[in-house]
Amino acid sequence: MRLPRSSAGWTIAVFGVLALLMGALGLLWPEAQLRMLGFEVPQSRAAGDYTGTFLTASAMASFNMGVYYLLATATEWRAFYRFTVVFRLVTFTVFTIVVLADVAPGRFFMVALWEGLGAVATAVALHLDARRAAAAPDTAEPGRQVPAADSGRPAAASADSASRSAGADR
């Protein structure tokens, strides 16, 4: 896997790695994850208590989300970066409301804060990356098209550079 090529890519990569790790922790040791979030872990569960089932589903979703974020980083999928800013702010809002409504323990607010700060960090990084790209001189290779700073689309390459790239993958 390649390293991120932009500041925004780094923010997405960090979140992706942490989501993947937290998902793996939830799958392998769900009680530890519950304790980290401030939830009680009873010695036994009553019949009809599907906490374990829900934890498995949430952990698997977190693991998968980590993979998606890392894939977006590897491809520098900037439209995805922008998309995450909006929905991580929504997540921050919902998780904060859940804590304020006393549905979740106060420590759960750390998850909301992580989402909100991550969204802001990605938004700032996107802005700085766009400013840097606008200020940089055109240093493209001959025959190679440079993408717009924030187009969200991959660069189109000429036929001969695409074939060179394909040969390098073998």
C-alpha atoms as a PDB file:
ATOM      1  CA  MET A   1       0.000   0.000   0.000  1.00  0.00           C
ATOM      2  CA  ARG A   2       1.276   3.458  -0.793  1.00  0.00           C
ATOM      3  CA  LEU A   3       1.617   6.284   1.671  1.00  0.00           C
ATOM      4  CA  PRO A   4      -0.862   9.168   1.446  1.00  0.00           C
ATOM      5  CA  ARG A   5       0.077  11.856  -1.078  1.00  0.00           C
ATOM      6  CA  SER A   6      -1.703  14.773   0.583  1.00  0.00           C
ATOM      7  CA  SER A   7      -2.454  16.208   4.004  1.00  0.00           C
ATOM      8  CA  ALA A   8      -6.092  15.235   3.621  1.00  0.00           C
ATOM      9  CA  GLY A   9      -5.003  11.728   2.656  1.00  0.00           C
ATOM     10  CA  TRP A  10      -3.060  11.461   5.915  1.00  0.00           C
ATOM     11  CA  THR A  11      -6.132  12.409   7.968  1.00  0.00           C
ATOM     12  CA  ILE A  12      -8.181   9.753   6.164  1.00  0.00           C
ATOM     13  CA  ALA A  13      -5.401   7.163   6.548  1.00  0.00           C
ATOM     14  CA  VAL A  14      -5.094   7.746  10.303  1.00  0.00           C
ATOM     15  CA  PHE A  15      -8.839   7.370  10.749  1.00  0.00           C
ATOM     16  CA  GLY A  16      -8.830   4.282   8.529  1.00  0.00           C
ATOM     17  CA  VAL A  17      -6.091   2.540  10.494  1.00  0.00           C
ATOM     18  CA  LEU A  18      -7.784   3.331  13.810  1.00  0.00           C
ATOM     19  CA  ALA A  19     -11.201   2.197  12.554  1.00  0.00           C
ATOM     20  CA  LEU A  20      -9.650  -1.040  11.313  1.00  0.00           C
ATOM     21  CA  LEU A  21      -7.847  -1.640  14.627  1.00  0.00           C
ATOM     22  CA  MET A  22     -10.894  -0.802  16.741  1.00  0.00           C
ATOM     23  CA  GLY A  23     -12.994  -3.101  14.584  1.00  0.00           C
ATOM     24  CA  ALA A  24     -10.488  -5.918  15.064  1.00  0.00           C
ATOM     25  CA  LEU A  25     -10.447  -5.269  18.836  1.00  0.00           C
ATOM     26  CA  GLY A  26     -14.249  -5.393  18.931  1.00  0.00           C
ATOM     27  CA  LEU A  27     -14.261  -8.693  17.060  1.00  0.00           C
ATOM     28  CA  LEU A  28     -11.518 -10.285  19.167  1.00  0.00           C
ATOM     29  CA  TRP A  29     -12.145  -8.772  22.601  1.00  0.00           C
ATOM     30  CA  PRO A  30     -15.510  -6.972  22.764  1.00  0.00           C
ATOM     31  CA  GLU A  31     -15.450  -6.613  26.563  1.00  0.00           C
ATOM     32  CA  ALA A  32     -12.303  -4.462  26.360  1.00  0.00           C
ATOM     33  CA  GLN A  33     -13.965  -2.202  23.856  1.00  0.00           C
ATOM     34  CA  LEU A  34     -17.065  -1.839  26.034  1.00  0.00           C
ATOM     35  CA  ARG A  35     -14.910  -0.911  29.030  1.00  0.00           C
ATOM     36  CA  MET A  36     -12.955   1.658  26.965  1.00  0.00           C
ATOM     37  CA  LEU A  37     -16.221   3.345  26.047  1.00  0.00           C
ATOM     38  CA  GLY A  38     -17.452   3.413  29.647  1.00  0.00           C
ATOM     39  CA  PHE A  39     -20.097   0.706  29.333  1.00  0.00           C
ATOM     40  CA  GLU A  40     -20.642  -1.889  32.063  1.00  0.00           C
ATOM     41  CA  VAL A  41     -19.695  -5.469  31.314  1.00  0.00           C
ATOM     42  CA  PRO A  42     -21.912  -7.835  33.332  1.00  0.00           C
ATOM     43  CA  GLN A  43     -20.691 -11.328  34.274  1.00  0.00           C
ATOM     44  CA  SER A  44     -23.549 -12.867  32.287  1.00  0.00           C
ATOM     45  CA  ARG A  45     -26.222 -11.657  29.934  1.00  0.00           C
ATOM     46  CA  ALA A  46     -29.932 -12.319  30.171  1.00  0.00           C
ATOM     47  CA  ALA A  47     -31.786 -14.322  27.548  1.00  0.00           C
ATOM     48  CA  GLY A  48     -32.742 -12.003  24.700  1.00  0.00           C
ATOM     49  CA  ASP A  49     -29.789  -9.663  25.320  1.00  0.00           C
ATOM     50  CA  TYR A  50     -28.233  -9.178  21.915  1.00  0.00           C
ATOM     51  CA  THR A  51     -25.405  -6.897  23.010  1.00  0.00           C
ATOM     52  CA  GLY A  52     -22.831  -9.379  21.679  1.00  0.00           C
ATOM     53  CA  THR A  53     -24.570  -9.566  18.333  1.00  0.00           C
ATOM     54  CA  PHE A  54     -24.713  -5.789  18.058  1.00  0.00           C
ATOM     55  CA  LEU A  55     -21.053  -5.470  19.064  1.00  0.00           C
ATOM     56  CA  THR A  56     -20.028  -7.980  16.416  1.00  0.00           C
ATOM     57  CA  ALA A  57     -21.984  -6.084  13.759  1.00  0.00           C
ATOM     58  CA  SER A  58     -20.530  -2.722  14.875  1.00  0.00           C
ATOM     59  CA  ALA A  59     -16.985  -4.086  15.034  1.00  0.00           C
ATOM     60  CA  MET A  60     -17.287  -5.621  11.578  1.00  0.00           C
ATOM     61  CA  ALA A  61     -18.655  -2.329  10.223  1.00  0.00           C
ATOM     62  CA  SER A  62     -15.725  -0.451  11.800  1.00  0.00           C
ATOM     63  CA  PHE A  63     -13.227  -2.923  10.364  1.00  0.00           C
ATOM     64  CA  ASN A  64     -14.763  -2.619   6.889  1.00  0.00           C
ATOM     65  CA  MET A  65     -14.907   1.169   7.155  1.00  0.00           C
ATOM     66  CA  GLY A  66     -11.196   1.182   7.967  1.00  0.00           C
ATOM     67  CA  VAL A  67     -10.541  -0.772   4.784  1.00  0.00           C
ATOM     68  CA  TYR A  68     -12.685   1.671   2.753  1.00  0.00           C
ATOM     69  CA  TYR A  69     -10.813   4.671   4.174  1.00  0.00           C
ATOM     70  CA  LEU A  70      -7.446   3.085   3.388  1.00  0.00           C
ATOM     71  CA  LEU A  71      -8.579   2.282  -0.155  1.00  0.00           C
ATOM     72  CA  ALA A  72      -9.673   5.919  -0.577  1.00  0.00           C
ATOM     73  CA  THR A  73      -6.237   6.998   0.663  1.00  0.00           C
ATOM     74  CA  ALA A  74      -4.416   4.663  -1.721  1.00  0.00           C
ATOM     75  CA  THR A  75      -6.355   6.079  -4.682  1.00  0.00           C
ATOM     76  CA  GLU A  76      -6.374   9.701  -3.398  1.00  0.00           C
ATOM     77  CA  TRP A  77     -10.168   9.734  -3.791  1.00  0.00           C
ATOM     78  CA  ARG A  78     -10.767  13.344  -2.777  1.00  0.00           C
ATOM     79  CA  ALA A  79     -14.537  13.258  -3.341  1.00  0.00           C
ATOM     80  CA  PHE A  80     -14.669  10.555  -0.664  1.00  0.00           C
ATOM     81  CA  TYR A  81     -12.596  12.761   1.648  1.00  0.00           C
ATOM     82  CA  ARG A  82     -15.132  15.585   1.275  1.00  0.00           C
ATOM     83  CA  PHE A  83     -18.020  13.177   1.789  1.00  0.00           C
ATOM     84  CA  THR A  84     -16.522  11.974   5.090  1.00  0.00           C
ATOM     85  CA  VAL A  85     -16.299  15.512   6.438  1.00  0.00           C
ATOM     86  CA  VAL A  86     -20.057  15.976   6.227  1.00  0.00           C
ATOM     87  CA  PHE A  87     -21.009  12.597   7.613  1.00  0.00           C
ATOM     88  CA  ARG A  88     -18.428  12.613  10.391  1.00  0.00           C
ATOM     89  CA  LEU A  89     -19.948  15.920  11.526  1.00  0.00           C
ATOM     90  CA  VAL A  90     -23.368  14.243  11.478  1.00  0.00           C
ATOM     91  CA  THR A  91     -21.905  11.399  13.555  1.00  0.00           C
ATOM     92  CA  PHE A  92     -20.427  13.911  16.002  1.00  0.00           C
ATOM     93  CA  THR A  93     -23.855  15.515  16.401  1.00  0.00           C
ATOM     94  CA  VAL A  94     -25.740  12.238  16.894  1.00  0.00           C
ATOM     95  CA  PHE A  95     -23.199  10.817  19.363  1.00  0.00           C
ATOM     96  CA  THR A  96     -23.177  14.068  21.337  1.00  0.00           C
ATOM     97  CA  ILE A  97     -26.970  14.032  21.563  1.00  0.00           C
ATOM     98  CA  VAL A  98     -26.892  10.404  22.749  1.00  0.00           C
ATOM     99  CA  VAL A  99     -24.537  11.366  25.591  1.00  0.00           C
ATOM    100  CA  LEU A 100     -26.508  14.527  26.494  1.00  0.00           C
ATOM    101  CA  ALA A 101     -29.766  12.532  26.507  1.00  0.00           C
ATOM    102  CA  ASP A 102     -28.129  10.132  28.993  1.00  0.00           C
ATOM    103  CA  VAL A 103     -28.512   7.182  26.626  1.00  0.00           C
ATOM    104  CA  ALA A 104     -24.735   6.587  26.659  1.00  0.00           C
ATOM    105  CA  PRO A 105     -22.140   7.208  29.385  1.00  0.00           C
ATOM    106  CA  GLY A 106     -20.170  10.456  29.368  1.00  0.00           C
ATOM    107  CA  ARG A 107     -16.983   8.703  28.228  1.00  0.00           C
ATOM    108  CA  PHE A 108     -18.764   7.912  24.951  1.00  0.00           C
ATOM    109  CA  PHE A 109     -18.444  11.624  24.136  1.00  0.00           C
ATOM    110  CA  MET A 110     -14.792  10.879  23.319  1.00  0.00           C
ATOM    111  CA  VAL A 111     -16.037   8.980  20.257  1.00  0.00           C
ATOM    112  CA  ALA A 112     -18.114  12.007  19.239  1.00  0.00           C
ATOM    113  CA  LEU A 113     -15.141  14.286  19.785  1.00  0.00           C
ATOM    114  CA  TRP A 114     -12.885  12.010  17.718  1.00  0.00           C
ATOM    115  CA  GLU A 115     -15.381  12.163  14.845  1.00  0.00           C
ATOM    116  CA  GLY A 116     -15.793  15.929  15.049  1.00  0.00           C
ATOM    117  CA  LEU A 117     -12.077  16.685  15.293  1.00  0.00           C
ATOM    118  CA  GLY A 118     -11.355  14.225  12.481  1.00  0.00           C
ATOM    119  CA  ALA A 119     -13.901  15.926  10.246  1.00  0.00           C
ATOM    120  CA  VAL A 120     -12.449  19.352  10.974  1.00  0.00           C
ATOM    121  CA  ALA A 121      -8.873  18.096  10.424  1.00  0.00           C
ATOM    122  CA  THR A 122      -9.840  16.619   7.047  1.00  0.00           C
ATOM    123  CA  ALA A 123     -11.709  19.791   6.023  1.00  0.00           C
ATOM    124  CA  VAL A 124      -8.722  21.971   6.935  1.00  0.00           C
ATOM    125  CA  ALA A 125      -6.324  19.606   5.142  1.00  0.00           C
ATOM    126  CA  LEU A 126      -8.512  19.629   2.004  1.00  0.00           C
ATOM    127  CA  HIS A 127      -8.483  23.427   2.049  1.00  0.00           C
ATOM    128  CA  LEU A 128      -4.701  23.604   2.521  1.00  0.00           C
ATOM    129  CA  ASP A 129      -4.093  20.973  -0.179  1.00  0.00           C
ATOM    130  CA  ALA A 130      -6.275  22.942  -2.618  1.00  0.00           C
ATOM    131  CA  ARG A 131      -4.391  26.175  -1.843  1.00  0.00           C
ATOM    132  CA  ARG A 132      -1.035  24.417  -2.284  1.00  0.00           C
ATOM    133  CA  ALA A 133      -2.133  22.925  -5.613  1.00  0.00           C
ATOM    134  CA  ALA A 134      -3.383  26.306  -6.860  1.00  0.00           C
ATOM    135  CA  ALA A 135      -0.094  27.966  -5.923  1.00  0.00           C
ATOM    136  CA  ALA A 136       2.173  25.254  -7.386  1.00  0.00           C
ATOM    137  CA  PRO A 137       3.528  25.692 -10.905  1.00  0.00           C
ATOM    138  CA  ASP A 138       2.481  23.143 -13.514  1.00  0.00           C
ATOM    139  CA  THR A 139       5.125  20.414 -13.210  1.00  0.00           C
ATOM    140  CA  ALA A 140       3.388  17.662 -15.150  1.00  0.00           C
ATOM    141  CA  GLU A 141       5.273  15.184 -17.306  1.00  0.00           C
ATOM    142  CA  PRO A 142       4.886  15.668 -21.049  1.00  0.00           C
ATOM    143  CA  GLY A 143       1.794  13.774 -22.250  1.00  0.00           C
ATOM    144  CA  ARG A 144       0.278  13.643 -18.776  1.00  0.00           C
ATOM    145  CA  GLN A 145      -2.835  15.557 -17.726  1.00  0.00           C
ATOM    146  CA  VAL A 146      -2.817  17.153 -14.262  1.00  0.00           C
ATOM    147  CA  PRO A 147      -6.120  16.835 -12.346  1.00  0.00           C
ATOM    148  CA  ALA A 148      -7.855  19.873 -10.948  1.00  0.00           C
ATOM    149  CA  ALA A 149      -6.820  20.340  -7.324  1.00  0.00           C
ATOM    150  CA  ASP A 150     -10.122  19.220  -5.882  1.00  0.00           C
ATOM    151  CA  SER A 151     -11.867  17.506  -8.794  1.00  0.00           C
ATOM    152  CA  GLY A 152     -12.175  14.198  -6.986  1.00  0.00           C
ATOM    153  CA  ARG A 153     -11.304  12.392 -10.228  1.00  0.00           C
ATOM    154  CA  PRO A 154      -8.104  10.514 -11.012  1.00  0.00           C
ATOM    155  CA  ALA A 155      -5.705  12.004 -13.547  1.00  0.00           C
ATOM    156  CA  ALA A 156      -5.973  10.796 -17.124  1.00  0.00           C
ATOM    157  CA  ALA A 157      -2.668   9.533 -18.493  1.00  0.00           C
ATOM    158  CA  SER A 158      -1.458   9.315 -22.063  1.00  0.00           C
ATOM    159  CA  ALA A 159      -1.456   5.925 -23.760  1.00  0.00           C
ATOM    160  CA  ASP A 160       2.325   5.482 -23.562  1.00  0.00           C
ATOM    161  CA  SER A 161       2.556   6.442 -19.869  1.00  0.00           C
ATOM    162  CA  ALA A 162      -0.361   4.101 -19.115  1.00  0.00           C
ATOM    163  CA  SER A 163       1.433   1.235 -20.846  1.00  0.00           C
ATOM    164  CA  ARG A 164       4.656   2.021 -18.945  1.00  0.00           C
ATOM    165  CA  SER A 165       2.671   2.027 -15.733  1.00  0.00           C
ATOM    166  CA  ALA A 166       0.988  -1.271 -16.628  1.00  0.00           C
ATOM    167  CA  GLY A 167       4.373  -2.826 -17.350  1.00  0.00           C
ATOM    168  CA  ALA A 168       5.686  -1.696 -13.968  1.00  0.00           C
ATOM    169  CA  ASP A 169       2.861  -3.543 -12.216  1.00  0.00           C
ATOM    170  CA  ARG A 170       3.936  -6.921 -13.568  1.00  0.00           C
END
